[in-house]
Amino acid sequence: MKKWYSLILLIVLFSCKKKEEDYLISGTVFNPELNQSVSQMQISLWGTTVSNGSIQNQFSQLASVQTASDGSFSFKFKKSVYSALKLVLYRSDYFQQETAINPDNLSPGKEYKMTIQSHALGWIKTTIQNTGTQHDADNVYYKLSLPYTSCTTCCNTSAQNFSGASVNTSWTCNVYGGSKITIQWIYTYNTINQSHFDTLLVPVNDTLAYPIFY
């Protein structure tokens, strides 16, 4: 009887030990512009390991899940010596993004929770055309301002100047869908300035047209 009791105890202890060796990452994907959770977001977990004292530079995929209706997700994976971990988020109507995770912040058997902000795609098409008197000294100063700085693929926010009588140009660039942006443009001729300032709401997964005719 004692032998059976000891065997059962060993099995229980071994099972608990293996369970505690697992890493657990969970979280929620949230869209701050729309103030809502993001469902059906594909999230893949990638890692690089340390083997025989050497860091493996090549990331390998450890797991992949899709967020639930409330934007939640979770990963459970075996403990190892990781030099780097990252989450790659993808949904066709959202900006693709990566989020790094410091492996030192993970503890076996303890849940690591996180909230990830994700942003819907949106575009703005700007057209600048000189349609008036068309003087060679005509000049337009243009500047787009965004309420965020983390988007490396979004529109250029540097000030731009367009001079001459034959200005006719347009371009389309990315912005966060559902965000508010501001545009300032100033038409100048003979030291007289005509200043314009607009605040615009970018539609989600659509293009906002902004024509400037002067």
Protein backbone atom coordinates (compact mmCIF):
# COMPACT_ATOMS: atom_id res chain seq x y z
CA MET A 1 0.00 0.00 0.00
CA LYS A 2 2.83 2.36 0.88
CA LYS A 3 4.51 1.58 -2.46
CA TRP A 4 1.35 2.50 -4.38
CA TYR A 5 0.96 5.68 -2.35
CA SER A 6 4.57 6.67 -3.06
CA LEU A 7 4.15 5.95 -6.77
CA ILE A 8 1.00 8.08 -7.00
CA LEU A 9 2.73 10.89 -5.11
CA LEU A 10 5.68 10.79 -7.51
CA ILE A 11 3.36 10.92 -10.52
CA VAL A 12 1.51 13.93 -9.09
CA LEU A 13 4.73 15.73 -8.24
CA PHE A 14 6.20 15.02 -11.67
CA SER A 15 3.05 16.26 -13.41
CA CYS A 16 3.02 19.48 -11.37
CA LYS A 17 6.69 20.02 -12.09
CA LYS A 18 6.17 19.70 -15.85
CA LYS A 19 3.21 22.06 -15.71
CA GLU A 20 5.25 24.68 -13.85
CA GLU A 21 7.96 24.54 -16.54
CA ASP A 22 5.58 25.94 -19.16
CA TYR A 23 5.60 29.61 -20.08
CA LEU A 24 2.25 31.37 -20.41
CA ILE A 25 1.71 34.63 -22.29
CA SER A 26 -1.76 36.16 -22.49
CA GLY A 27 -3.21 39.49 -23.40
CA THR A 28 -5.68 41.62 -25.32
CA VAL A 29 -5.44 43.50 -28.62
CA PHE A 30 -7.11 46.91 -28.43
CA ASN A 31 -7.78 49.67 -30.98
CA PRO A 32 -7.46 53.06 -29.20
CA GLU A 33 -8.89 55.09 -32.10
CA LEU A 34 -12.10 53.04 -32.20
CA ASN A 35 -12.06 52.29 -28.43
CA GLN A 36 -12.73 48.61 -29.01
CA SER A 37 -11.07 45.22 -28.82
CA VAL A 38 -9.76 43.65 -32.03
CA SER A 39 -11.05 40.19 -32.87
CA GLN A 40 -9.79 37.78 -35.55
CA MET A 41 -6.26 39.17 -35.34
CA GLN A 42 -3.71 36.51 -36.26
CA ILE A 43 -0.87 36.48 -33.73
CA SER A 44 2.22 34.33 -34.12
CA LEU A 45 4.88 33.82 -31.46
CA TRP A 46 8.51 33.73 -32.60
CA GLY A 47 11.70 33.09 -30.68
CA THR A 48 15.46 32.65 -30.91
CA THR A 49 17.14 30.20 -28.57
CA VAL A 50 20.55 29.75 -27.00
CA SER A 51 22.08 26.39 -27.88
CA ASN A 52 25.44 25.16 -26.57
CA GLY A 53 26.23 28.68 -25.43
CA SER A 54 25.57 30.19 -28.88
CA ILE A 55 22.70 32.52 -29.73
CA GLN A 56 20.67 31.41 -32.73
CA ASN A 57 20.02 34.49 -34.90
CA GLN A 58 17.21 32.90 -36.91
CA PHE A 59 13.71 33.34 -35.44
CA SER A 60 11.50 30.25 -35.50
CA GLN A 61 7.74 30.20 -35.05
CA LEU A 62 6.69 28.67 -31.74
CA ALA A 63 2.89 28.98 -32.02
CA SER A 64 0.06 30.88 -33.70
CA VAL A 65 -3.41 31.87 -32.47
CA GLN A 66 -6.29 34.16 -33.41
CA THR A 67 -7.82 36.69 -31.04
CA ALA A 68 -11.28 35.93 -29.68
CA SER A 69 -14.32 38.21 -29.94
CA ASP A 70 -13.08 40.17 -26.91
CA GLY A 71 -9.59 40.58 -28.41
CA SER A 72 -8.00 38.09 -26.01
CA PHE A 73 -5.24 35.60 -26.81
CA SER A 74 -2.92 33.23 -24.97
CA PHE A 75 0.18 31.13 -25.62
CA LYS A 76 1.44 28.20 -23.58
CA PHE A 77 4.84 26.86 -24.57
CA LYS A 78 7.73 24.88 -23.15
CA LYS A 79 10.41 26.57 -21.09
CA SER A 80 13.70 27.03 -22.91
CA VAL A 81 16.62 29.47 -22.97
CA TYR A 82 15.39 32.18 -25.32
CA SER A 83 17.56 35.10 -26.39
CA ALA A 84 14.60 36.97 -27.94
CA LEU A 85 10.84 36.62 -28.28
CA LYS A 86 8.36 38.57 -30.37
CA LEU A 87 4.71 38.59 -31.39
CA VAL A 88 3.78 39.27 -35.02
CA LEU A 89 0.24 40.62 -35.53
CA TYR A 90 -1.60 40.45 -38.83
CA ARG A 91 -5.10 41.29 -40.05
CA SER A 92 -5.65 42.40 -43.63
CA ASP A 93 -7.37 45.67 -42.66
CA TYR A 94 -4.86 46.57 -39.93
CA PHE A 95 -1.27 47.74 -39.83
CA GLN A 96 1.04 44.75 -39.50
CA GLN A 97 3.19 45.06 -36.40
CA GLU A 98 5.68 43.31 -34.17
CA THR A 99 5.90 43.45 -30.39
CA ALA A 100 9.06 42.35 -28.60
CA ILE A 101 8.93 40.42 -25.33
CA ASN A 102 11.89 40.30 -22.97
CA PRO A 103 12.44 36.61 -22.09
CA ASP A 104 13.79 37.71 -18.68
CA ASN A 105 10.25 38.84 -17.79
CA LEU A 106 8.87 35.31 -18.11
CA SER A 107 8.65 32.96 -15.14
CA PRO A 108 7.74 29.25 -15.43
CA GLY A 109 4.18 28.60 -14.33
CA LYS A 110 3.34 32.33 -14.06
CA GLU A 111 1.13 34.17 -16.51
CA TYR A 112 2.69 37.13 -18.33
CA LYS A 113 -0.09 39.57 -19.27
CA MET A 114 0.03 42.33 -21.85
CA THR A 115 -2.20 44.76 -23.74
CA ILE A 116 -1.26 45.52 -27.34
CA GLN A 117 -2.54 48.56 -29.20
CA SER A 118 -3.32 47.94 -32.85
CA HIS A 119 -4.50 50.35 -35.54
CA ALA A 120 -6.83 50.03 -38.52
CA LEU A 121 -5.62 51.07 -41.95
CA GLY A 122 -6.62 54.42 -43.39
CA TRP A 123 -5.33 56.65 -46.16
CA ILE A 124 -5.33 60.31 -47.11
CA LYS A 125 -5.00 61.49 -50.71
CA THR A 126 -3.70 65.06 -50.96
CA THR A 127 -3.96 67.04 -54.20
CA ILE A 128 -2.25 70.42 -54.63
CA GLN A 129 -2.99 72.32 -57.82
CA ASN A 130 -2.49 75.90 -58.95
CA THR A 131 -5.70 76.72 -60.78
CA GLY A 132 -5.89 80.51 -60.26
CA THR A 133 -3.81 83.34 -61.67
CA GLN A 134 -0.77 81.05 -61.79
CA HIS A 135 2.07 83.41 -61.03
CA ASP A 136 5.63 82.13 -60.96
CA ALA A 137 5.93 83.59 -57.45
CA ASP A 138 2.98 81.56 -56.12
CA ASN A 139 3.89 79.45 -53.10
CA VAL A 140 2.00 76.94 -50.95
CA TYR A 141 3.26 75.82 -47.54
CA TYR A 142 1.80 72.43 -46.50
CA LYS A 143 2.08 70.52 -43.22
CA LEU A 144 0.28 67.42 -42.00
CA SER A 145 0.23 66.72 -38.24
CA LEU A 146 -0.59 63.36 -36.66
CA PRO A 147 -1.52 62.74 -33.00
CA TYR A 148 0.90 59.79 -32.89
CA THR A 149 4.61 59.31 -33.59
CA SER A 150 4.94 55.52 -33.43
CA CYS A 151 3.87 54.87 -37.03
CA THR A 152 7.01 54.54 -39.16
CA THR A 153 5.06 53.90 -42.39
CA CYS A 154 2.57 56.74 -42.04
CA CYS A 155 2.48 60.02 -43.96
CA ASN A 156 5.37 62.46 -43.96
CA THR A 157 4.80 65.15 -41.32
CA SER A 158 7.61 67.46 -42.42
CA ALA A 159 6.66 70.88 -43.80
CA GLN A 160 6.65 71.09 -47.60
CA ASN A 161 6.67 74.04 -50.02
CA PHE A 162 5.32 74.06 -53.57
CA SER A 163 6.28 77.02 -55.74
CA GLY A 164 5.54 78.18 -59.25
CA ALA A 165 2.70 78.61 -61.70
CA SER A 166 2.34 75.01 -62.81
CA VAL A 167 2.03 73.10 -59.52
CA ASN A 168 -0.14 70.03 -59.99
CA THR A 169 0.70 67.08 -57.77
CA SER A 170 -1.00 64.45 -55.61
CA TRP A 171 -0.01 61.59 -53.34
CA THR A 172 -1.61 58.98 -51.09
CA CYS A 173 -0.17 57.80 -47.78
CA ASN A 174 -1.06 55.75 -44.70
CA VAL A 175 -2.64 57.02 -41.50
CA TYR A 176 -4.48 55.31 -38.65
CA GLY A 177 -8.11 54.75 -39.58
CA GLY A 178 -10.45 56.46 -37.12
CA SER A 179 -7.84 59.02 -36.02
CA LYS A 180 -8.08 62.80 -36.21
CA ILE A 181 -5.38 64.58 -38.19
CA THR A 182 -4.70 68.26 -38.83
CA ILE A 183 -3.59 69.96 -42.03
CA GLN A 184 -2.27 73.50 -42.32
CA TRP A 185 -1.63 75.12 -45.67
CA ILE A 186 -0.75 78.72 -46.54
CA TYR A 187 -0.95 80.29 -49.98
CA THR A 188 1.47 83.19 -50.43
CA TYR A 189 1.76 85.75 -53.24
CA ASN A 190 3.25 89.28 -53.05
CA THR A 191 3.82 88.83 -49.28
CA ILE A 192 0.07 88.27 -48.78
CA ASN A 193 -0.75 85.05 -46.92
CA GLN A 194 -3.99 83.12 -47.04
CA SER A 195 -3.91 80.62 -44.18
CA HIS A 196 -6.05 77.48 -43.87
CA PHE A 197 -6.28 74.97 -41.02
CA ASP A 198 -8.44 71.82 -40.98
CA THR A 199 -9.02 68.97 -38.53
CA LEU A 200 -10.14 65.80 -40.29
CA LEU A 201 -11.44 62.38 -39.21
CA VAL A 202 -9.85 59.59 -41.24
CA PRO A 203 -12.34 56.88 -42.28
CA VAL A 204 -11.54 53.29 -41.34
CA ASN A 205 -10.22 51.19 -44.24
CA ASP A 206 -10.97 53.97 -46.69
CA THR A 207 -9.31 56.99 -48.34
CA LEU A 208 -9.93 60.57 -47.33
CA ALA A 209 -9.50 62.99 -50.24
CA TYR A 210 -8.11 66.43 -49.42
CA PRO A 211 -7.83 68.77 -52.46
CA ILE A 212 -5.99 72.08 -52.29
CA PHE A 213 -6.83 74.36 -55.24
CA TYR A 214 -5.49 77.89 -55.25
